[in-house]
Amino acid sequence: MLNITGPDGKVREYKEGVTFLEIAQDYAQKYSTPIAEAICDGAGIGLQREVPHDCTVGFIPTDS
C-alpha cells in the first residue's frame, strides 16, 4: 500500500499501481475546472503515470 498525502493534508492509502488520475478523481469535486496535471513531491507529473512511492500529491486545474 502507498500512503499518499493529498492537497487537503490528509493521508490516504492506495494500492500499488494506482495512477495519479485515479487519485485525482477523489479530489476532482474540490476544483472548479478539470485537473490537468498532478504534482508529486513538488514536481509536475502526468496524470496517466503510476504513483512511484509514498508522496505528497497536489493537482493543477485547467484554469491555472
C-alpha atoms as a PDB file:
ATOM      1  CA  MET A   1       0.000   0.000   0.000  1.00  0.00           C
ATOM      2  CA  LEU A   2       1.041   3.569  -0.693  1.00  0.00           C
ATOM      3  CA  ASN A   3       0.498   6.399   1.784  1.00  0.00           C
ATOM      4  CA  ILE A   4      -0.473   9.478  -0.213  1.00  0.00           C
ATOM      5  CA  THR A   5      -0.816  12.882   1.408  1.00  0.00           C
ATOM      6  CA  GLY A   6      -3.426  14.793  -0.561  1.00  0.00           C
ATOM      7  CA  PRO A   7      -3.881  18.505  -1.152  1.00  0.00           C
ATOM      8  CA  ASP A   8      -6.088  18.614   1.944  1.00  0.00           C
ATOM      9  CA  GLY A   9      -3.192  17.347   4.101  1.00  0.00           C
ATOM     10  CA  LYS A  10      -4.907  14.033   4.852  1.00  0.00           C
ATOM     11  CA  VAL A  11      -3.096  10.737   4.297  1.00  0.00           C
ATOM     12  CA  ARG A  12      -4.977   8.096   2.316  1.00  0.00           C
ATOM     13  CA  GLU A  13      -3.889   4.577   1.428  1.00  0.00           C
ATOM     14  CA  TYR A  14      -3.899   3.430  -2.200  1.00  0.00           C
ATOM     15  CA  LYS A  15      -2.925   0.134  -3.788  1.00  0.00           C
ATOM     16  CA  GLU A  16       0.406  -0.194  -5.581  1.00  0.00           C
ATOM     17  CA  GLY A  17      -0.033   0.623  -9.276  1.00  0.00           C
ATOM     18  CA  VAL A  18      -2.554   3.426  -8.710  1.00  0.00           C
ATOM     19  CA  THR A  19      -2.299   6.285 -11.204  1.00  0.00           C
ATOM     20  CA  PHE A  20      -2.388   9.980 -10.450  1.00  0.00           C
ATOM     21  CA  LEU A  21      -5.597  10.117 -12.491  1.00  0.00           C
ATOM     22  CA  GLU A  22      -7.296   7.687 -10.119  1.00  0.00           C
ATOM     23  CA  ILE A  23      -6.235   9.772  -7.135  1.00  0.00           C
ATOM     24  CA  ALA A  24      -7.300  12.979  -8.915  1.00  0.00           C
ATOM     25  CA  GLN A  25     -10.823  11.576  -9.219  1.00  0.00           C
ATOM     26  CA  ASP A  26     -11.035  11.519  -5.411  1.00  0.00           C
ATOM     27  CA  TYR A  27     -10.342  15.275  -5.306  1.00  0.00           C
ATOM     28  CA  ALA A  28     -11.962  16.494  -8.545  1.00  0.00           C
ATOM     29  CA  GLN A  29     -15.050  17.904  -6.809  1.00  0.00           C
ATOM     30  CA  LYS A  30     -12.817  20.359  -4.920  1.00  0.00           C
ATOM     31  CA  TYR A  31     -11.782  22.070  -8.177  1.00  0.00           C
ATOM     32  CA  SER A  32     -13.968  24.284 -10.351  1.00  0.00           C
ATOM     33  CA  THR A  33     -12.341  23.023 -13.581  1.00  0.00           C
ATOM     34  CA  PRO A  34     -10.873  19.653 -14.611  1.00  0.00           C
ATOM     35  CA  ILE A  35      -7.483  18.624 -13.266  1.00  0.00           C
ATOM     36  CA  ALA A  36      -4.775  18.868 -15.922  1.00  0.00           C
ATOM     37  CA  GLU A  37      -1.662  17.660 -14.113  1.00  0.00           C
ATOM     38  CA  ALA A  38      -0.503  16.175 -10.833  1.00  0.00           C
ATOM     39  CA  ILE A  39       2.287  17.349  -8.558  1.00  0.00           C
ATOM     40  CA  CYS A  40       4.278  14.663  -6.741  1.00  0.00           C
ATOM     41  CA  ASP A  41       6.607  15.936  -4.010  1.00  0.00           C
ATOM     42  CA  GLY A  42       6.790  19.312  -5.764  1.00  0.00           C
ATOM     43  CA  ALA A  43       7.391  18.065  -9.328  1.00  0.00           C
ATOM     44  CA  GLY A  44       4.810  18.145 -12.117  1.00  0.00           C
ATOM     45  CA  ILE A  45       3.844  14.737 -13.467  1.00  0.00           C
ATOM     46  CA  GLY A  46       1.291  13.398 -15.955  1.00  0.00           C
ATOM     47  CA  LEU A  47      -1.982  12.003 -14.682  1.00  0.00           C
ATOM     48  CA  GLN A  48      -1.568   8.696 -16.538  1.00  0.00           C
ATOM     49  CA  ARG A  49       1.623   7.801 -14.653  1.00  0.00           C
ATOM     50  CA  GLU A  50       1.642   5.359 -11.767  1.00  0.00           C
ATOM     51  CA  VAL A  51       2.477   6.763  -8.349  1.00  0.00           C
ATOM     52  CA  PRO A  52       6.041   5.532  -7.721  1.00  0.00           C
ATOM     53  CA  HIS A  53       6.180   5.774  -3.918  1.00  0.00           C
ATOM     54  CA  ASP A  54       4.642   7.370  -0.838  1.00  0.00           C
ATOM     55  CA  CYS A  55       4.393  11.072  -1.596  1.00  0.00           C
ATOM     56  CA  THR A  56       2.583  14.345  -1.173  1.00  0.00           C
ATOM     57  CA  VAL A  57       0.261  14.989  -4.106  1.00  0.00           C
ATOM     58  CA  GLY A  58      -1.259  18.172  -5.430  1.00  0.00           C
ATOM     59  CA  PHE A  59      -3.107  18.999  -8.624  1.00  0.00           C
ATOM     60  CA  ILE A  60      -3.088  21.713 -11.259  1.00  0.00           C
ATOM     61  CA  PRO A  61      -6.537  22.518 -12.687  1.00  0.00           C
ATOM     62  CA  THR A  62      -7.001  23.582 -16.303  1.00  0.00           C
ATOM     63  CA  ASP A  63      -7.735  27.189 -15.292  1.00  0.00           C
ATOM     64  CA  SER A  64      -4.274  27.707 -13.765  1.00  0.00           C
END
